[in-house]
């Protein structure tokens, strides 16, 4: 799909995790403690730190990207929106470029379903579901 930046990139991955560690020399990334939701005894609940890791390909030049979080029950209302930029290498449409959003101290207002969205010019490139729920009454025994 075309845009004023050439074409919208393709999102290859959108992962929510606790930390992203990048190797200084290789630029390879390790995603630590990936998750799709949190358990909390009550809401609102603050999550001290999480990251959203995204990988893109097929872009041209500099492309502004934003990460949006919405409650599924109130899709039109942004709970959070963070801006970023992907810099694609010139003359290499097959290049894969990563972007990491660090989210600190976000407060989820209530239990339920949420969605992280990656956008380029308000065009949704990818979505990741996320749930905030109460812990089960009884936890299963630990294996070991």
C-alpha atoms as a PDB file:
ATOM      1  CA  UNK A   1       0.000   0.000   0.000  1.00  0.00           C
ATOM      2  CA  UNK A   2       1.383   3.389  -0.921  1.00  0.00           C
ATOM      3  CA  UNK A   3       1.771   6.373   1.368  1.00  0.00           C
ATOM      4  CA  UNK A   4       3.452   9.748   1.253  1.00  0.00           C
ATOM      5  CA  UNK A   5       6.577   7.903   2.423  1.00  0.00           C
ATOM      6  CA  UNK A   6       6.557   5.538  -0.568  1.00  0.00           C
ATOM      7  CA  UNK A   7       4.942   2.330   0.641  1.00  0.00           C
ATOM      8  CA  UNK A   8       3.735   1.172   4.020  1.00  0.00           C
ATOM      9  CA  UNK A   9       6.175  -1.313   5.472  1.00  0.00           C
ATOM     10  CA  UNK A  10       5.089  -4.828   6.356  1.00  0.00           C
ATOM     11  CA  UNK A  11       5.158  -5.709  10.050  1.00  0.00           C
ATOM     12  CA  UNK A  12       6.785  -9.103  10.581  1.00  0.00           C
ATOM     13  CA  UNK A  13       6.416  -9.237  14.370  1.00  0.00           C
ATOM     14  CA  UNK A  14       4.804  -7.440  17.284  1.00  0.00           C
ATOM     15  CA  UNK A  15       5.727  -8.917  20.664  1.00  0.00           C
ATOM     16  CA  UNK A  16       5.098  -7.602  24.191  1.00  0.00           C
ATOM     17  CA  UNK A  17       7.799  -8.516  26.688  1.00  0.00           C
ATOM     18  CA  UNK A  18       9.469  -7.329  29.865  1.00  0.00           C
ATOM     19  CA  UNK A  19      12.844  -6.375  28.363  1.00  0.00           C
ATOM     20  CA  UNK A  20      14.652  -6.246  25.030  1.00  0.00           C
ATOM     21  CA  UNK A  21      18.410  -6.712  25.205  1.00  0.00           C
ATOM     22  CA  UNK A  22      20.461  -5.713  22.155  1.00  0.00           C
ATOM     23  CA  UNK A  23      23.934  -7.106  21.523  1.00  0.00           C
ATOM     24  CA  UNK A  24      26.208  -4.146  20.820  1.00  0.00           C
ATOM     25  CA  UNK A  25      28.254  -5.844  18.084  1.00  0.00           C
ATOM     26  CA  UNK A  26      25.761  -8.003  16.198  1.00  0.00           C
ATOM     27  CA  UNK A  27      22.675  -5.834  16.804  1.00  0.00           C
ATOM     28  CA  UNK A  28      20.771  -9.075  17.533  1.00  0.00           C
ATOM     29  CA  UNK A  29      18.013  -8.720  20.084  1.00  0.00           C
ATOM     30  CA  UNK A  30      16.871 -11.002  22.896  1.00  0.00           C
ATOM     31  CA  UNK A  31      13.261 -10.691  24.054  1.00  0.00           C
ATOM     32  CA  UNK A  32      12.969 -11.515  27.747  1.00  0.00           C
ATOM     33  CA  UNK A  33       9.764 -12.701  29.460  1.00  0.00           C
ATOM     34  CA  UNK A  34       7.240 -12.434  26.604  1.00  0.00           C
ATOM     35  CA  UNK A  35       3.602 -12.211  27.699  1.00  0.00           C
ATOM     36  CA  UNK A  36       0.088 -11.530  26.398  1.00  0.00           C
ATOM     37  CA  UNK A  37      -1.494 -10.190  29.554  1.00  0.00           C
ATOM     38  CA  UNK A  38      -1.186  -9.642  33.269  1.00  0.00           C
ATOM     39  CA  UNK A  39      -2.955 -10.939  36.356  1.00  0.00           C
ATOM     40  CA  UNK A  40      -3.966  -8.474  39.050  1.00  0.00           C
ATOM     41  CA  UNK A  41      -6.126  -8.757  42.165  1.00  0.00           C
ATOM     42  CA  UNK A  42      -7.759  -5.390  41.397  1.00  0.00           C
ATOM     43  CA  UNK A  43      -7.778  -2.495  38.979  1.00  0.00           C
ATOM     44  CA  UNK A  44      -6.545   0.044  38.194  1.00  0.00           C
ATOM     45  CA  UNK A  45      -3.208  -1.774  38.047  1.00  0.00           C
ATOM     46  CA  UNK A  46       0.173  -0.265  37.250  1.00  0.00           C
ATOM     47  CA  UNK A  47       2.669  -2.248  35.187  1.00  0.00           C
ATOM     48  CA  UNK A  48       6.117  -0.863  35.927  1.00  0.00           C
ATOM     49  CA  UNK A  49       7.905  -1.834  32.727  1.00  0.00           C
ATOM     50  CA  UNK A  50       7.177  -3.560  29.459  1.00  0.00           C
ATOM     51  CA  UNK A  51       8.432  -3.307  25.899  1.00  0.00           C
ATOM     52  CA  UNK A  52       6.780  -3.701  22.538  1.00  0.00           C
ATOM     53  CA  UNK A  53       9.190  -5.147  19.973  1.00  0.00           C
ATOM     54  CA  UNK A  54       8.368  -4.776  16.278  1.00  0.00           C
ATOM     55  CA  UNK A  55      10.165  -5.904  13.119  1.00  0.00           C
ATOM     56  CA  UNK A  56       9.455  -4.383   9.702  1.00  0.00           C
ATOM     57  CA  UNK A  57      10.405  -4.949   6.082  1.00  0.00           C
ATOM     58  CA  UNK A  58       9.542  -3.457   2.709  1.00  0.00           C
ATOM     59  CA  UNK A  59       9.721   0.195   3.691  1.00  0.00           C
ATOM     60  CA  UNK A  60      11.430   3.079   1.928  1.00  0.00           C
ATOM     61  CA  UNK A  61      13.429   5.761   3.735  1.00  0.00           C
ATOM     62  CA  UNK A  62      12.242   7.152   7.065  1.00  0.00           C
ATOM     63  CA  UNK A  63       8.764   6.032   8.111  1.00  0.00           C
ATOM     64  CA  UNK A  64       7.046   7.389  11.237  1.00  0.00           C
ATOM     65  CA  UNK A  65       5.451   4.580  13.236  1.00  0.00           C
ATOM     66  CA  UNK A  66       3.244   4.865  16.302  1.00  0.00           C
ATOM     67  CA  UNK A  67       2.244   2.350  18.946  1.00  0.00           C
ATOM     68  CA  UNK A  68      -1.309   2.747  20.183  1.00  0.00           C
ATOM     69  CA  UNK A  69      -3.052   0.966  23.073  1.00  0.00           C
ATOM     70  CA  UNK A  70      -6.837   0.792  23.261  1.00  0.00           C
ATOM     71  CA  UNK A  71      -9.427  -0.981  25.355  1.00  0.00           C
ATOM     72  CA  UNK A  72     -11.421  -3.232  23.080  1.00  0.00           C
ATOM     73  CA  UNK A  73     -14.626  -1.902  24.637  1.00  0.00           C
ATOM     74  CA  UNK A  74     -13.663   1.700  23.749  1.00  0.00           C
ATOM     75  CA  UNK A  75     -11.784   1.295  20.461  1.00  0.00           C
ATOM     76  CA  UNK A  76     -11.796   5.013  19.528  1.00  0.00           C
ATOM     77  CA  UNK A  77     -10.068   6.196  22.702  1.00  0.00           C
ATOM     78  CA  UNK A  78      -6.260   6.096  22.924  1.00  0.00           C
ATOM     79  CA  UNK A  79      -5.074   4.955  26.328  1.00  0.00           C
ATOM     80  CA  UNK A  80      -1.517   5.448  25.155  1.00  0.00           C
ATOM     81  CA  UNK A  81       0.224   6.485  21.948  1.00  0.00           C
ATOM     82  CA  UNK A  82       3.987   6.484  21.485  1.00  0.00           C
ATOM     83  CA  UNK A  83       5.811   7.741  18.420  1.00  0.00           C
ATOM     84  CA  UNK A  84       8.827   6.247  16.732  1.00  0.00           C
ATOM     85  CA  UNK A  85      10.576   6.159  13.402  1.00  0.00           C
ATOM     86  CA  UNK A  86      11.888   3.338  11.262  1.00  0.00           C
ATOM     87  CA  UNK A  87      14.874   4.156   9.046  1.00  0.00           C
ATOM     88  CA  UNK A  88      15.007   1.727   6.144  1.00  0.00           C
ATOM     89  CA  UNK A  89      18.315   1.400   4.302  1.00  0.00           C
ATOM     90  CA  UNK A  90      18.238   2.868   0.806  1.00  0.00           C
ATOM     91  CA  UNK A  91      18.053   0.464  -2.121  1.00  0.00           C
ATOM     92  CA  UNK A  92      17.301  -2.606   0.032  1.00  0.00           C
ATOM     93  CA  UNK A  93      13.563  -3.394   0.060  1.00  0.00           C
ATOM     94  CA  UNK A  94      14.294  -6.751   1.740  1.00  0.00           C
ATOM     95  CA  UNK A  95      15.976  -5.212   4.791  1.00  0.00           C
ATOM     96  CA  UNK A  96      14.451  -6.020   8.177  1.00  0.00           C
ATOM     97  CA  UNK A  97      14.460  -3.148  10.670  1.00  0.00           C
ATOM     98  CA  UNK A  98      13.532  -3.444  14.352  1.00  0.00           C
ATOM     99  CA  UNK A  99      11.869  -0.896  16.604  1.00  0.00           C
ATOM    100  CA  UNK A 100      11.486  -1.134  20.382  1.00  0.00           C
ATOM    101  CA  UNK A 101       8.986   0.890  22.407  1.00  0.00           C
ATOM    102  CA  UNK A 102       9.655   1.011  26.158  1.00  0.00           C
ATOM    103  CA  UNK A 103       6.562   1.542  28.294  1.00  0.00           C
ATOM    104  CA  UNK A 104       7.083   2.532  31.930  1.00  0.00           C
ATOM    105  CA  UNK A 105       4.489   2.877  34.645  1.00  0.00           C
ATOM    106  CA  UNK A 106       1.404   2.364  32.510  1.00  0.00           C
ATOM    107  CA  UNK A 107      -1.847   2.047  34.469  1.00  0.00           C
ATOM    108  CA  UNK A 108      -4.483  -0.312  33.077  1.00  0.00           C
ATOM    109  CA  UNK A 109      -7.809   1.183  34.174  1.00  0.00           C
ATOM    110  CA  UNK A 110      -9.889  -2.013  34.365  1.00  0.00           C
ATOM    111  CA  UNK A 111     -10.039  -5.732  33.711  1.00  0.00           C
ATOM    112  CA  UNK A 112     -10.653  -6.826  30.157  1.00  0.00           C
ATOM    113  CA  UNK A 113      -9.302  -7.030  26.639  1.00  0.00           C
ATOM    114  CA  UNK A 114      -6.876  -4.494  25.209  1.00  0.00           C
ATOM    115  CA  UNK A 115      -5.143  -4.188  21.844  1.00  0.00           C
ATOM    116  CA  UNK A 116      -1.720  -2.827  20.920  1.00  0.00           C
ATOM    117  CA  UNK A 117      -1.686  -1.413  17.374  1.00  0.00           C
ATOM    118  CA  UNK A 118       1.240  -0.407  15.192  1.00  0.00           C
ATOM    119  CA  UNK A 119       0.330   2.380  12.784  1.00  0.00           C
ATOM    120  CA  UNK A 120       1.906   4.187   9.850  1.00  0.00           C
ATOM    121  CA  UNK A 121      -0.082   7.286   8.884  1.00  0.00           C
ATOM    122  CA  UNK A 122      -3.071   5.866  10.810  1.00  0.00           C
ATOM    123  CA  UNK A 123      -2.869   2.701   8.685  1.00  0.00           C
ATOM    124  CA  UNK A 124      -2.829  -0.359  10.985  1.00  0.00           C
ATOM    125  CA  UNK A 125       0.228  -2.499  10.239  1.00  0.00           C
ATOM    126  CA  UNK A 126      -0.227  -5.024  13.068  1.00  0.00           C
ATOM    127  CA  UNK A 127      -2.221  -5.685  16.222  1.00  0.00           C
ATOM    128  CA  UNK A 128      -1.494  -7.656  19.387  1.00  0.00           C
ATOM    129  CA  UNK A 129      -4.190  -8.607  21.894  1.00  0.00           C
ATOM    130  CA  UNK A 130      -3.509  -8.143  25.608  1.00  0.00           C
ATOM    131  CA  UNK A 131      -5.650  -9.131  28.607  1.00  0.00           C
ATOM    132  CA  UNK A 132      -5.842  -7.864  32.165  1.00  0.00           C
ATOM    133  CA  UNK A 133      -7.565 -10.393  34.402  1.00  0.00           C
ATOM    134  CA  UNK A 134      -7.908 -11.623  37.955  1.00  0.00           C
ATOM    135  CA  UNK A 135      -5.713 -14.521  39.026  1.00  0.00           C
ATOM    136  CA  UNK A 136      -7.444 -17.898  39.276  1.00  0.00           C
ATOM    137  CA  UNK A 137      -8.766 -18.850  42.714  1.00  0.00           C
ATOM    138  CA  UNK A 138      -6.264 -21.650  43.052  1.00  0.00           C
ATOM    139  CA  UNK A 139      -2.936 -21.777  41.262  1.00  0.00           C
ATOM    140  CA  UNK A 140      -1.726 -25.142  39.953  1.00  0.00           C
ATOM    141  CA  UNK A 141       1.248 -26.670  41.809  1.00  0.00           C
ATOM    142  CA  UNK A 142       4.686 -25.790  40.494  1.00  0.00           C
ATOM    143  CA  UNK A 143       6.386 -28.445  38.422  1.00  0.00           C
ATOM    144  CA  UNK A 144       9.857 -29.416  39.406  1.00  0.00           C
END
